[in-house]
């Protein structure tokens, strides 16, 4: 358990950040799942729309430190390739 005032404050801050990051990660996963579902249904227009909505959410996660930059780039690249293939 935290003993010093500084370590007690860090524990409080960590708990708060954990909840915020958890919510943000959940939001990102929801957007990615919507793209996956649109791809699975075969609806190219819905997949394109979902991808456009997911991209800023994923990049916001990178800015906030929830997702690594290369992970986000890899996910966007793979999803956009699948959406592109769906449209052809």
Protein backbone atom coordinates (compact mmCIF):
# COMPACT_ATOMS: atom_id res chain seq x y z
CA UNK A 1 0.00 0.00 0.00
CA UNK A 2 1.13 3.58 -0.68
CA UNK A 3 2.74 5.23 2.33
CA UNK A 4 4.07 8.65 1.37
CA UNK A 5 1.73 11.48 0.36
CA UNK A 6 3.25 11.47 -3.13
CA UNK A 7 2.69 7.74 -3.62
CA UNK A 8 -0.91 8.07 -2.35
CA UNK A 9 -1.54 10.82 -4.87
CA UNK A 10 0.05 8.74 -7.68
CA UNK A 11 -2.24 5.84 -6.76
CA UNK A 12 -5.28 8.13 -7.02
CA UNK A 13 -4.11 9.53 -10.35
CA UNK A 14 -3.34 6.07 -11.72
CA UNK A 15 -6.84 4.86 -10.82
CA UNK A 16 -8.42 7.85 -12.56
CA UNK A 17 -6.27 7.45 -15.69
CA UNK A 18 -6.99 3.72 -15.74
CA UNK A 19 -10.73 4.37 -15.96
CA UNK A 20 -10.31 7.01 -18.67
CA UNK A 21 -7.97 4.81 -20.72
CA UNK A 22 -10.28 1.83 -20.30
CA UNK A 23 -13.22 3.83 -21.68
CA UNK A 24 -11.14 5.14 -24.57
CA UNK A 25 -9.86 1.65 -25.45
CA UNK A 26 -13.43 0.35 -25.36
CA UNK A 27 -14.55 3.13 -27.71
CA UNK A 28 -11.77 2.28 -30.17
CA UNK A 29 -12.64 -1.43 -30.10
CA UNK A 30 -16.31 -0.63 -30.70
CA UNK A 31 -15.47 1.41 -33.80
CA UNK A 32 -13.17 -1.33 -35.10
CA UNK A 33 -15.85 -3.95 -34.47
CA UNK A 34 -18.36 -1.89 -36.49
CA UNK A 35 -15.96 -1.91 -39.45
CA UNK A 36 -15.45 -5.67 -39.07
CA UNK A 37 -19.21 -6.27 -38.99
CA UNK A 38 -19.77 -4.12 -42.09
CA UNK A 39 -17.05 -6.06 -43.93
CA UNK A 40 -18.57 -9.37 -42.82
CA UNK A 41 -22.02 -8.31 -44.05
CA UNK A 42 -20.51 -7.42 -47.44
CA UNK A 43 -21.84 -3.84 -47.41
CA UNK A 44 -19.06 -1.77 -49.01
CA UNK A 45 -20.72 1.60 -48.34
CA UNK A 46 -21.32 0.86 -44.65
CA UNK A 47 -17.78 -0.45 -44.30
CA UNK A 48 -16.37 2.72 -45.85
CA UNK A 49 -18.45 4.91 -43.53
CA UNK A 50 -17.47 2.88 -40.46
CA UNK A 51 -13.80 3.06 -41.46
CA UNK A 52 -13.99 6.85 -41.78
CA UNK A 53 -15.50 7.02 -38.28
CA UNK A 54 -12.93 4.62 -36.80
CA UNK A 55 -9.82 6.33 -38.14
CA UNK A 56 -9.94 9.52 -36.01
CA UNK A 57 -10.89 7.48 -32.95
CA UNK A 58 -7.88 5.22 -33.41
CA UNK A 59 -5.54 8.17 -34.00
CA UNK A 60 -6.91 9.90 -30.90
CA UNK A 61 -5.95 6.77 -28.98
CA UNK A 62 -2.40 7.13 -30.31
CA UNK A 63 -2.26 10.79 -29.23
CA UNK A 64 -3.51 9.91 -25.75
CA UNK A 65 -1.06 7.03 -25.38
CA UNK A 66 -3.62 4.23 -25.26
CA UNK A 67 -2.51 2.57 -28.51
CA UNK A 68 0.99 2.44 -29.99
CA UNK A 69 1.45 4.40 -33.22
CA UNK A 70 2.56 1.39 -35.28
CA UNK A 71 -0.30 -0.74 -33.95
CA UNK A 72 -2.82 1.88 -35.04
CA UNK A 73 -1.15 2.22 -38.44
CA UNK A 74 -1.17 -1.55 -38.92
CA UNK A 75 -4.84 -1.87 -37.98
CA UNK A 76 -5.88 1.00 -40.27
CA UNK A 77 -3.83 -0.40 -43.14
CA UNK A 78 -5.30 -3.89 -42.86
CA UNK A 79 -8.86 -2.65 -42.46
CA UNK A 80 -8.61 -0.22 -45.36
CA UNK A 81 -7.20 -2.97 -47.59
CA UNK A 82 -10.15 -5.22 -46.72
CA UNK A 83 -12.67 -2.42 -47.31
CA UNK A 84 -11.01 -1.62 -50.62
CA UNK A 85 -11.16 -5.27 -51.70
CA UNK A 86 -14.83 -5.34 -50.72
CA UNK A 87 -15.58 -2.41 -53.03
CA UNK A 88 -14.02 -4.07 -56.07
